[in-house]
Amino acid sequence: MGELSSILKEMETNEIEPNEQTVKELVHAHCAEGNLAEAHKVLAAVNSQVLPESALEEIMICYAKSGDLEKTIDLLGNFDDLTLPVIRPMISKLSADEEDNADLT
């Protein structure tokens, strides 16, 4: 995991801009390890022009699966200009279910 965390730092030191594939792979690897904080750092560190929607969706799905719907919605709000065809319907459904459950209590 240490190598994974240092990849962006090393790229920055060498003045290399990460491309979409690099970002996607780093986010995927961090999410696979359950390290959402590091995956989020990758998103925060890159230029929004190289942010693949699939990487953003993957981290949002991981947050949602971990039960952190609030973090998922907050992150989604930062990217209103993106389509996000997988995650938007999922978040809408989860939000509606959460509201329905709140009404029952």
PDB file of N, CA and C in Angstrom:
ATOM      1  N   MET A   1       0.826  -1.192   0.000  1.00  0.00           N
ATOM      2  CA  MET A   1       0.000   0.000   0.000  1.00  0.00           C
ATOM      3  C   MET A   1       0.864   1.247   0.000  1.00  0.00           C
ATOM      4  N   GLY A   2       2.049   1.202   0.631  1.00  0.00           N
ATOM      5  CA  GLY A   2       2.930   2.355   0.676  1.00  0.00           C
ATOM      6  C   GLY A   2       3.325   2.832  -0.713  1.00  0.00           C
ATOM      7  N   GLU A   3       3.626   1.885  -1.592  1.00  0.00           N
ATOM      8  CA  GLU A   3       3.977   2.239  -2.969  1.00  0.00           C
ATOM      9  C   GLU A   3       2.817   2.944  -3.655  1.00  0.00           C
ATOM     10  N   LEU A   4       1.640   2.453  -3.415  1.00  0.00           N
ATOM     11  CA  LEU A   4       0.454   3.019  -4.033  1.00  0.00           C
ATOM     12  C   LEU A   4       0.257   4.470  -3.612  1.00  0.00           C
ATOM     13  N   SER A   5       0.462   4.751  -2.342  1.00  0.00           N
ATOM     14  CA  SER A   5       0.278   6.097  -1.830  1.00  0.00           C
ATOM     15  C   SER A   5       1.319   7.064  -2.357  1.00  0.00           C
ATOM     16  N   SER A   6       2.490   6.561  -2.708  1.00  0.00           N
ATOM     17  CA  SER A   6       3.562   7.446  -3.146  1.00  0.00           C
ATOM     18  C   SER A   6       3.554   7.718  -4.650  1.00  0.00           C
ATOM     19  N   ILE A   7       2.734   7.034  -5.400  1.00  0.00           N
ATOM     20  CA  ILE A   7       2.755   7.191  -6.856  1.00  0.00           C
ATOM     21  C   ILE A   7       2.433   8.622  -7.276  1.00  0.00           C
ATOM     22  N   LEU A   8       1.355   9.198  -6.749  1.00  0.00           N
ATOM     23  CA  LEU A   8       1.015  10.573  -7.127  1.00  0.00           C
ATOM     24  C   LEU A   8       2.076  11.557  -6.682  1.00  0.00           C
ATOM     25  N   LYS A   9       2.638  11.350  -5.486  1.00  0.00           N
ATOM     26  CA  LYS A   9       3.702  12.240  -4.994  1.00  0.00           C
ATOM     27  C   LYS A   9       4.915  12.184  -5.909  1.00  0.00           C
ATOM     28  N   GLU A  10       5.279  10.985  -6.325  1.00  0.00           N
ATOM     29  CA  GLU A  10       6.428  10.826  -7.209  1.00  0.00           C
ATOM     30  C   GLU A  10       6.150  11.463  -8.576  1.00  0.00           C
ATOM     31  N   MET A  11       4.945  11.301  -9.069  1.00  0.00           N
ATOM     32  CA  MET A  11       4.589  11.921 -10.343  1.00  0.00           C
ATOM     33  C   MET A  11       4.684  13.442 -10.235  1.00  0.00           C
ATOM     34  N   GLU A  12       4.180  13.979  -9.129  1.00  0.00           N
ATOM     35  CA  GLU A  12       4.221  15.428  -8.916  1.00  0.00           C
ATOM     36  C   GLU A  12       5.671  15.916  -8.832  1.00  0.00           C
ATOM     37  N   THR A  13       6.494  15.196  -8.101  1.00  0.00           N
ATOM     38  CA  THR A  13       7.910  15.553  -7.965  1.00  0.00           C
ATOM     39  C   THR A  13       8.589  15.608  -9.328  1.00  0.00           C
ATOM     40  N   ASN A  14       8.207  14.695 -10.199  1.00  0.00           N
ATOM     41  CA  ASN A  14       8.805  14.620 -11.537  1.00  0.00           C
ATOM     42  C   ASN A  14       8.031  15.426 -12.576  1.00  0.00           C
ATOM     43  N   GLU A  15       7.080  16.243 -12.089  1.00  0.00           N
ATOM     44  CA  GLU A  15       6.266  17.113 -12.947  1.00  0.00           C
ATOM     45  C   GLU A  15       5.549  16.335 -14.046  1.00  0.00           C
ATOM     46  N   ILE A  16       4.995  15.189 -13.653  1.00  0.00           N
ATOM     47  CA  ILE A  16       4.215  14.350 -14.567  1.00  0.00           C
ATOM     48  C   ILE A  16       2.753  14.435 -14.147  1.00  0.00           C
ATOM     49  N   GLU A  17       1.906  14.844 -15.068  1.00  0.00           N
ATOM     50  CA  GLU A  17       0.470  14.922 -14.797  1.00  0.00           C
ATOM     51  C   GLU A  17      -0.149  13.533 -14.954  1.00  0.00           C
ATOM     52  N   PRO A  18      -0.912  13.080 -13.974  1.00  0.00           N
ATOM     53  CA  PRO A  18      -1.584  11.777 -14.137  1.00  0.00           C
ATOM     54  C   PRO A  18      -2.674  11.876 -15.202  1.00  0.00           C
ATOM     55  N   ASN A  19      -2.821  10.812 -15.969  1.00  0.00           N
ATOM     56  CA  ASN A  19      -3.898  10.792 -16.960  1.00  0.00           C
ATOM     57  C   ASN A  19      -5.111  10.068 -16.369  1.00  0.00           C
ATOM     58  N   GLU A  20      -6.177   9.990 -17.139  1.00  0.00           N
ATOM     59  CA  GLU A  20      -7.411   9.373 -16.649  1.00  0.00           C
ATOM     60  C   GLU A  20      -7.191   7.935 -16.202  1.00  0.00           C
ATOM     61  N   GLN A  21      -6.406   7.183 -16.955  1.00  0.00           N
ATOM     62  CA  GLN A  21      -6.186   5.775 -16.615  1.00  0.00           C
ATOM     63  C   GLN A  21      -5.434   5.643 -15.288  1.00  0.00           C
ATOM     64  N   THR A  22      -4.452   6.500 -15.060  1.00  0.00           N
ATOM     65  CA  THR A  22      -3.706   6.472 -13.804  1.00  0.00           C
ATOM     66  C   THR A  22      -4.639   6.735 -12.632  1.00  0.00           C
ATOM     67  N   VAL A  23      -5.467   7.763 -12.771  1.00  0.00           N
ATOM     68  CA  VAL A  23      -6.415   8.115 -11.707  1.00  0.00           C
ATOM     69  C   VAL A  23      -7.370   6.959 -11.458  1.00  0.00           C
ATOM     70  N   LYS A  24      -7.908   6.406 -12.526  1.00  0.00           N
ATOM     71  CA  LYS A  24      -8.855   5.291 -12.408  1.00  0.00           C
ATOM     72  C   LYS A  24      -8.223   4.097 -11.687  1.00  0.00           C
ATOM     73  N   GLU A  25      -7.001   3.758 -12.061  1.00  0.00           N
ATOM     74  CA  GLU A  25      -6.332   2.607 -11.453  1.00  0.00           C
ATOM     75  C   GLU A  25      -5.999   2.856  -9.984  1.00  0.00           C
ATOM     76  N   LEU A  26      -5.558   4.066  -9.647  1.00  0.00           N
ATOM     77  CA  LEU A  26      -5.241   4.376  -8.254  1.00  0.00           C
ATOM     78  C   LEU A  26      -6.498   4.324  -7.383  1.00  0.00           C
ATOM     79  N   VAL A  27      -7.579   4.919  -7.866  1.00  0.00           N
ATOM     80  CA  VAL A  27      -8.834   4.894  -7.104  1.00  0.00           C
ATOM     81  C   VAL A  27      -9.312   3.455  -6.945  1.00  0.00           C
ATOM     82  N   HIS A  28      -9.266   2.697  -8.019  1.00  0.00           N
ATOM     83  CA  HIS A  28      -9.701   1.295  -7.964  1.00  0.00           C
ATOM     84  C   HIS A  28      -8.870   0.512  -6.943  1.00  0.00           C
ATOM     85  N   ALA A  29      -7.564   0.689  -6.971  1.00  0.00           N
ATOM     86  CA  ALA A  29      -6.695  -0.057  -6.053  1.00  0.00           C
ATOM     87  C   ALA A  29      -6.975   0.322  -4.598  1.00  0.00           C
ATOM     88  N   HIS A  30      -7.137   1.604  -4.329  1.00  0.00           N
ATOM     89  CA  HIS A  30      -7.435   2.029  -2.962  1.00  0.00           C
ATOM     90  C   HIS A  30      -8.795   1.508  -2.503  1.00  0.00           C
ATOM     91  N   CYS A  31      -9.784   1.585  -3.371  1.00  0.00           N
ATOM     92  CA  CYS A  31     -11.116   1.082  -3.008  1.00  0.00           C
ATOM     93  C   CYS A  31     -11.084  -0.423  -2.764  1.00  0.00           C
ATOM     94  N   ALA A  32     -10.341  -1.142  -3.587  1.00  0.00           N
ATOM     95  CA  ALA A  32     -10.234  -2.599  -3.414  1.00  0.00           C
ATOM     96  C   ALA A  32      -9.609  -2.951  -2.073  1.00  0.00           C
ATOM     97  N   GLU A  33      -8.728  -2.102  -1.586  1.00  0.00           N
ATOM     98  CA  GLU A  33      -8.097  -2.301  -0.280  1.00  0.00           C
ATOM     99  C   GLU A  33      -8.956  -1.771   0.861  1.00  0.00           C
ATOM    100  N   GLY A  34     -10.082  -1.116   0.511  1.00  0.00           N
ATOM    101  CA  GLY A  34     -10.951  -0.546   1.533  1.00  0.00           C
ATOM    102  C   GLY A  34     -10.429   0.770   2.098  1.00  0.00           C
ATOM    103  N   ASN A  35      -9.493   1.381   1.391  1.00  0.00           N
ATOM    104  CA  ASN A  35      -8.875   2.614   1.856  1.00  0.00           C
ATOM    105  C   ASN A  35      -9.526   3.813   1.161  1.00  0.00           C
ATOM    106  N   LEU A  36     -10.728   4.152   1.619  1.00  0.00           N
ATOM    107  CA  LEU A  36     -11.490   5.221   0.984  1.00  0.00           C
ATOM    108  C   LEU A  36     -10.848   6.587   1.183  1.00  0.00           C
ATOM    109  N   ALA A  37     -10.176   6.788   2.295  1.00  0.00           N
ATOM    110  CA  ALA A  37      -9.519   8.080   2.537  1.00  0.00           C
ATOM    111  C   ALA A  37      -8.439   8.341   1.484  1.00  0.00           C
ATOM    112  N   GLU A  38      -7.657   7.325   1.163  1.00  0.00           N
ATOM    113  CA  GLU A  38      -6.615   7.486   0.137  1.00  0.00           C
ATOM    114  C   GLU A  38      -7.229   7.641  -1.250  1.00  0.00           C
ATOM    115  N   ALA A  39      -8.293   6.911  -1.532  1.00  0.00           N
ATOM    116  CA  ALA A  39      -8.972   7.051  -2.820  1.00  0.00           C
ATOM    117  C   ALA A  39      -9.503   8.473  -2.975  1.00  0.00           C
ATOM    118  N   HIS A  40     -10.047   9.013  -1.885  1.00  0.00           N
ATOM    119  CA  HIS A  40     -10.559  10.383  -1.904  1.00  0.00           C
ATOM    120  C   HIS A  40      -9.420  11.382  -2.121  1.00  0.00           C
ATOM    121  N   LYS A  41      -8.252  11.125  -1.524  1.00  0.00           N
ATOM    122  CA  LYS A  41      -7.088  11.987  -1.725  1.00  0.00           C
ATOM    123  C   LYS A  41      -6.666  12.021  -3.192  1.00  0.00           C
ATOM    124  N   VAL A  42      -6.771  10.879  -3.866  1.00  0.00           N
ATOM    125  CA  VAL A  42      -6.438  10.837  -5.295  1.00  0.00           C
ATOM    126  C   VAL A  42      -7.365  11.773  -6.059  1.00  0.00           C
ATOM    127  N   LEU A  43      -8.669  11.693  -5.774  1.00  0.00           N
ATOM    128  CA  LEU A  43      -9.624  12.559  -6.463  1.00  0.00           C
ATOM    129  C   LEU A  43      -9.326  14.029  -6.191  1.00  0.00           C
ATOM    130  N   ALA A  44      -8.988  14.330  -4.946  1.00  0.00           N
ATOM    131  CA  ALA A  44      -8.728  15.722  -4.564  1.00  0.00           C
ATOM    132  C   ALA A  44      -7.444  16.253  -5.196  1.00  0.00           C
ATOM    133  N   ALA A  45      -6.496  15.374  -5.467  1.00  0.00           N
ATOM    134  CA  ALA A  45      -5.185  15.799  -5.939  1.00  0.00           C
ATOM    135  C   ALA A  45      -5.097  16.016  -7.445  1.00  0.00           C
ATOM    136  N   VAL A  46      -6.061  15.516  -8.185  1.00  0.00           N
ATOM    137  CA  VAL A  46      -5.937  15.590  -9.643  1.00  0.00           C
ATOM    138  C   VAL A  46      -6.789  16.703 -10.222  1.00  0.00           C
ATOM    139  N   ASN A  47      -6.382  17.137 -11.374  1.00  0.00           N
ATOM    140  CA  ASN A  47      -7.114  18.131 -12.140  1.00  0.00           C
ATOM    141  C   ASN A  47      -8.443  17.519 -12.578  1.00  0.00           C
ATOM    142  N   SER A  48      -9.514  18.260 -12.449  1.00  0.00           N
ATOM    143  CA  SER A  48     -10.838  17.720 -12.782  1.00  0.00           C
ATOM    144  C   SER A  48     -10.943  17.303 -14.249  1.00  0.00           C
ATOM    145  N   GLN A  49     -10.036  17.778 -15.095  1.00  0.00           N
ATOM    146  CA  GLN A  49     -10.072  17.408 -16.507  1.00  0.00           C
ATOM    147  C   GLN A  49      -9.570  15.987 -16.744  1.00  0.00           C
ATOM    148  N   VAL A  50      -8.875  15.416 -15.763  1.00  0.00           N
ATOM    149  CA  VAL A  50      -8.411  14.035 -15.918  1.00  0.00           C
ATOM    150  C   VAL A  50      -9.146  13.095 -14.975  1.00  0.00           C
ATOM    151  N   LEU A  51     -10.270  13.546 -14.462  1.00  0.00           N
ATOM    152  CA  LEU A  51     -11.044  12.737 -13.527  1.00  0.00           C
ATOM    153  C   LEU A  51     -12.066  11.899 -14.282  1.00  0.00           C
ATOM    154  N   PRO A  52     -11.804  10.604 -14.430  1.00  0.00           N
ATOM    155  CA  PRO A  52     -12.773   9.761 -15.128  1.00  0.00           C
ATOM    156  C   PRO A  52     -14.018   9.542 -14.261  1.00  0.00           C
ATOM    157  N   GLU A  53     -15.177   9.637 -14.876  1.00  0.00           N
ATOM    158  CA  GLU A  53     -16.423   9.442 -14.134  1.00  0.00           C
ATOM    159  C   GLU A  53     -16.459   8.074 -13.482  1.00  0.00           C
ATOM    160  N   SER A  54     -15.870   7.076 -14.118  1.00  0.00           N
ATOM    161  CA  SER A  54     -15.889   5.730 -13.538  1.00  0.00           C
ATOM    162  C   SER A  54     -15.134   5.681 -12.210  1.00  0.00           C
ATOM    163  N   ALA A  55     -14.055   6.455 -12.076  1.00  0.00           N
ATOM    164  CA  ALA A  55     -13.312   6.486 -10.807  1.00  0.00           C
ATOM    165  C   ALA A  55     -14.139   7.166  -9.734  1.00  0.00           C
ATOM    166  N   LEU A  56     -14.792   8.240 -10.096  1.00  0.00           N
ATOM    167  CA  LEU A  56     -15.646   8.950  -9.150  1.00  0.00           C
ATOM    168  C   LEU A  56     -16.810   8.065  -8.714  1.00  0.00           C
ATOM    169  N   GLU A  57     -17.408   7.385  -9.666  1.00  0.00           N
ATOM    170  CA  GLU A  57     -18.507   6.473  -9.333  1.00  0.00           C
ATOM    171  C   GLU A  57     -18.034   5.351  -8.426  1.00  0.00           C
ATOM    172  N   GLU A  58     -16.843   4.828  -8.695  1.00  0.00           N
ATOM    173  CA  GLU A  58     -16.346   3.728  -7.875  1.00  0.00           C
ATOM    174  C   GLU A  58     -16.172   4.152  -6.421  1.00  0.00           C
ATOM    175  N   ILE A  59     -15.605   5.321  -6.190  1.00  0.00           N
ATOM    176  CA  ILE A  59     -15.411   5.750  -4.808  1.00  0.00           C
ATOM    177  C   ILE A  59     -16.753   6.051  -4.150  1.00  0.00           C
ATOM    178  N   MET A  60     -17.702   6.597  -4.897  1.00  0.00           N
ATOM    179  CA  MET A  60     -19.024   6.852  -4.319  1.00  0.00           C
ATOM    180  C   MET A  60     -19.738   5.559  -3.965  1.00  0.00           C
ATOM    181  N   ILE A  61     -19.605   4.564  -4.801  1.00  0.00           N
ATOM    182  CA  ILE A  61     -20.211   3.260  -4.517  1.00  0.00           C
ATOM    183  C   ILE A  61     -19.585   2.662  -3.258  1.00  0.00           C
ATOM    184  N   CYS A  62     -18.270   2.798  -3.126  1.00  0.00           N
ATOM    185  CA  CYS A  62     -17.591   2.279  -1.931  1.00  0.00           C
ATOM    186  C   CYS A  62     -18.067   3.004  -0.678  1.00  0.00           C
ATOM    187  N   TYR A  63     -18.213   4.329  -0.751  1.00  0.00           N
ATOM    188  CA  TYR A  63     -18.738   5.069   0.404  1.00  0.00           C
ATOM    189  C   TYR A  63     -20.162   4.600   0.722  1.00  0.00           C
ATOM    190  N   ALA A  64     -20.991   4.434  -0.306  1.00  0.00           N
ATOM    191  CA  ALA A  64     -22.371   4.001  -0.083  1.00  0.00           C
ATOM    192  C   ALA A  64     -22.407   2.607   0.539  1.00  0.00           C
ATOM    193  N   LYS A  65     -21.577   1.696   0.038  1.00  0.00           N
ATOM    194  CA  LYS A  65     -21.534   0.341   0.587  1.00  0.00           C
ATOM    195  C   LYS A  65     -21.066   0.330   2.035  1.00  0.00           C
ATOM    196  N   SER A  66     -20.203   1.294   2.375  1.00  0.00           N
ATOM    197  CA  SER A  66     -19.704   1.348   3.750  1.00  0.00           C
ATOM    198  C   SER A  66     -20.732   1.976   4.686  1.00  0.00           C
ATOM    199  N   GLY A  67     -21.854   2.444   4.110  1.00  0.00           N
ATOM    200  CA  GLY A  67     -22.913   3.029   4.917  1.00  0.00           C
ATOM    201  C   GLY A  67     -22.800   4.535   5.091  1.00  0.00           C
ATOM    202  N   ASP A  68     -21.818   5.139   4.437  1.00  0.00           N
ATOM    203  CA  ASP A  68     -21.609   6.581   4.568  1.00  0.00           C
ATOM    204  C   ASP A  68     -22.326   7.308   3.426  1.00  0.00           C
ATOM    205  N   LEU A  69     -23.650   7.280   3.477  1.00  0.00           N
ATOM    206  CA  LEU A  69     -24.455   7.902   2.424  1.00  0.00           C
ATOM    207  C   LEU A  69     -24.253   9.413   2.407  1.00  0.00           C
ATOM    208  N   GLU A  70     -24.074  10.005   3.572  1.00  0.00           N
ATOM    209  CA  GLU A  70     -23.878  11.460   3.637  1.00  0.00           C
ATOM    210  C   GLU A  70     -22.609  11.870   2.870  1.00  0.00           C
ATOM    211  N   LYS A  71     -21.523  11.125   3.054  1.00  0.00           N
ATOM    212  CA  LYS A  71     -20.273  11.419   2.342  1.00  0.00           C
ATOM    213  C   LYS A  71     -20.471  11.230   0.848  1.00  0.00           C
ATOM    214  N   THR A  72     -21.223  10.217   0.472  1.00  0.00           N
ATOM    215  CA  THR A  72     -21.497   9.951  -0.935  1.00  0.00           C
ATOM    216  C   THR A  72     -22.247  11.123  -1.559  1.00  0.00           C
ATOM    217  N   ILE A  73     -23.259  11.599  -0.883  1.00  0.00           N
ATOM    218  CA  ILE A  73     -24.059  12.708  -1.400  1.00  0.00           C
ATOM    219  C   ILE A  73     -23.236  13.993  -1.458  1.00  0.00           C
ATOM    220  N   ASP A  74     -22.419  14.232  -0.420  1.00  0.00           N
ATOM    221  CA  ASP A  74     -21.546  15.408  -0.419  1.00  0.00           C
ATOM    222  C   ASP A  74     -20.596  15.384  -1.605  1.00  0.00           C
ATOM    223  N   LEU A  75     -19.994  14.232  -1.858  1.00  0.00           N
ATOM    224  CA  LEU A  75     -19.064  14.093  -2.970  1.00  0.00           C
ATOM    225  C   LEU A  75     -19.788  14.285  -4.294  1.00  0.00           C
ATOM    226  N   LEU A  76     -20.970  13.730  -4.405  1.00  0.00           N
ATOM    227  CA  LEU A  76     -21.768  13.874  -5.616  1.00  0.00           C
ATOM    228  C   LEU A  76     -22.073  15.344  -5.894  1.00  0.00           C
ATOM    229  N   GLY A  77     -22.358  16.105  -4.846  1.00  0.00           N
ATOM    230  CA  GLY A  77     -22.663  17.521  -5.005  1.00  0.00           C
ATOM    231  C   GLY A  77     -21.517  18.324  -5.569  1.00  0.00           C
ATOM    232  N   ASN A  78     -20.295  17.849  -5.370  1.00  0.00           N
ATOM    233  CA  ASN A  78     -19.121  18.543  -5.903  1.00  0.00           C
ATOM    234  C   ASN A  78     -18.964  18.370  -7.402  1.00  0.00           C
ATOM    235  N   PHE A  79     -19.709  17.443  -7.982  1.00  0.00           N
ATOM    236  CA  PHE A  79     -19.549  17.130  -9.395  1.00  0.00           C
ATOM    237  C   PHE A  79     -20.891  17.161 -10.118  1.00  0.00           C
ATOM    238  N   ASP A  80     -21.657  18.217  -9.890  1.00  0.00           N
ATOM    239  CA  ASP A  80     -22.975  18.342 -10.515  1.00  0.00           C
ATOM    240  C   ASP A  80     -22.921  18.361 -12.034  1.00  0.00           C
ATOM    241  N   ASP A  81     -21.793  18.778 -12.593  1.00  0.00           N
ATOM    242  CA  ASP A  81     -21.676  18.893 -14.037  1.00  0.00           C
ATOM    243  C   ASP A  81     -21.419  17.561 -14.732  1.00  0.00           C
ATOM    244  N   LEU A  82     -21.178  16.500 -13.975  1.00  0.00           N
ATOM    245  CA  LEU A  82     -20.917  15.191 -14.583  1.00  0.00           C
ATOM    246  C   LEU A  82     -22.201  14.378 -14.699  1.00  0.00           C
ATOM    247  N   THR A  83     -22.245  13.492 -15.667  1.00  0.00           N
ATOM    248  CA  THR A  83     -23.420  12.660 -15.915  1.00  0.00           C
ATOM    249  C   THR A  83     -23.612  11.601 -14.836  1.00  0.00           C
ATOM    250  N   LEU A  84     -22.573  10.836 -14.559  1.00  0.00           N
ATOM    251  CA  LEU A  84     -22.581   9.778 -13.547  1.00  0.00           C
ATOM    252  C   LEU A  84     -23.806   8.871 -13.658  1.00  0.00           C
ATOM    253  N   PRO A  85     -23.943   8.158 -14.783  1.00  0.00           N
ATOM    254  CA  PRO A  85     -25.143   7.363 -15.027  1.00  0.00           C
ATOM    255  C   PRO A  85     -25.356   6.200 -14.067  1.00  0.00           C
ATOM    256  N   VAL A  86     -24.310   5.699 -13.451  1.00  0.00           N
ATOM    257  CA  VAL A  86     -24.463   4.577 -12.533  1.00  0.00           C
ATOM    258  C   VAL A  86     -24.862   5.064 -11.147  1.00  0.00           C
ATOM    259  N   ILE A  87     -24.170   6.073 -10.663  1.00  0.00           N
ATOM    260  CA  ILE A  87     -24.323   6.452  -9.266  1.00  0.00           C
ATOM    261  C   ILE A  87     -25.534   7.342  -8.986  1.00  0.00           C
ATOM    262  N   ARG A  88     -25.896   8.238  -9.885  1.00  0.00           N
ATOM    263  CA  ARG A  88     -27.015   9.153  -9.595  1.00  0.00           C
ATOM    264  C   ARG A  88     -28.316   8.410  -9.279  1.00  0.00           C
ATOM    265  N   PRO A  89     -28.719   7.435 -10.086  1.00  0.00           N
ATOM    266  CA  PRO A  89     -29.947   6.706  -9.739  1.00  0.00           C
ATOM    267  C   PRO A  89     -29.820   5.931  -8.422  1.00  0.00           C
ATOM    268  N   MET A  90     -28.639   5.396  -8.154  1.00  0.00           N
ATOM    269  CA  MET A  90     -28.418   4.648  -6.921  1.00  0.00           C
ATOM    270  C   MET A  90     -28.561   5.570  -5.708  1.00  0.00           C
ATOM    271  N   ILE A  91     -27.966   6.758  -5.782  1.00  0.00           N
ATOM    272  CA  ILE A  91     -28.036   7.711  -4.673  1.00  0.00           C
ATOM    273  C   ILE A  91     -29.470   8.182  -4.477  1.00  0.00           C
ATOM    274  N   SER A  92     -30.177   8.439  -5.559  1.00  0.00           N
ATOM    275  CA  SER A  92     -31.576   8.856  -5.451  1.00  0.00           C
ATOM    276  C   SER A  92     -32.396   7.789  -4.732  1.00  0.00           C
ATOM    277  N   LYS A  93     -32.171   6.537  -5.078  1.00  0.00           N
ATOM    278  CA  LYS A  93     -32.897   5.432  -4.461  1.00  0.00           C
ATOM    279  C   LYS A  93     -32.533   5.308  -2.981  1.00  0.00           C
ATOM    280  N   LEU A  94     -31.244   5.373  -2.665  1.00  0.00           N
ATOM    281  CA  LEU A  94     -30.809   5.267  -1.273  1.00  0.00           C
ATOM    282  C   LEU A  94     -31.352   6.426  -0.436  1.00  0.00           C
ATOM    283  N   SER A  95     -31.349   7.620  -1.009  1.00  0.00           N
ATOM    284  CA  SER A  95     -31.866   8.792  -0.289  1.00  0.00           C
ATOM    285  C   SER A  95     -33.356   8.641  -0.021  1.00  0.00           C
ATOM    286  N   ALA A  96     -34.087   8.157  -1.014  1.00  0.00           N
ATOM    287  CA  ALA A  96     -35.529   7.958  -0.846  1.00  0.00           C
ATOM    288  C   ALA A  96     -35.798   6.898   0.225  1.00  0.00           C
ATOM    289  N   ASP A  97     -35.029   5.810   0.208  1.00  0.00           N
ATOM    290  CA  ASP A  97     -35.196   4.759   1.208  1.00  0.00           C
ATOM    291  C   ASP A  97     -34.888   5.291   2.607  1.00  0.00           C
ATOM    292  N   GLU A  98     -33.841   6.127   2.702  1.00  0.00           N
ATOM    293  CA  GLU A  98     -33.460   6.690   3.999  1.00  0.00           C
ATOM    294  C   GLU A  98     -34.575   7.606   4.532  1.00  0.00           C
ATOM    295  N   GLU A  99     -35.179   8.390   3.642  1.00  0.00           N
ATOM    296  CA  GLU A  99     -36.271   9.270   4.052  1.00  0.00           C
ATOM    297  C   GLU A  99     -37.497   8.456   4.485  1.00  0.00           C
ATOM    298  N   ASP A 100     -37.787   7.392   3.749  1.00  0.00           N
ATOM    299  CA  ASP A 100     -38.908   6.525   4.112  1.00  0.00           C
ATOM    300  C   ASP A 100     -38.679   5.902   5.488  1.00  0.00           C
ATOM    301  N   ASN A 101     -37.449   5.459   5.753  1.00  0.00           N
ATOM    302  CA  ASN A 101     -37.129   4.867   7.050  1.00  0.00           C
ATOM    303  C   ASN A 101     -37.218   5.888   8.161  1.00  0.00           C
ATOM    304  N   ALA A 102     -36.853   7.128   7.898  1.00  0.00           N
ATOM    305  CA  ALA A 102     -36.935   8.195   8.897  1.00  0.00           C
ATOM    306  C   ALA A 102     -38.394   8.497   9.235  1.00  0.00           C
ATOM    307  N   ASP A 103     -39.261   8.408   8.235  1.00  0.00           N
ATOM    308  CA  ASP A 103     -40.684   8.657   8.450  1.00  0.00           C
ATOM    309  C   ASP A 103     -41.325   7.592   9.330  1.00  0.00           C
ATOM    310  N   LEU A 104     -40.751   6.399   9.334  1.00  0.00           N
ATOM    311  CA  LEU A 104     -41.313   5.293  10.105  1.00  0.00           C
ATOM    312  C   LEU A 104     -40.975   5.398  11.595  1.00  0.00           C
ATOM    313  N   THR A 105     -39.974   6.201  11.907  1.00  0.00           N
ATOM    314  CA  THR A 105     -39.571   6.286  13.326  1.00  0.00           C
ATOM    315  C   THR A 105     -40.217   7.429  14.042  1.00  0.00           C
TER     316      THR A 105
END
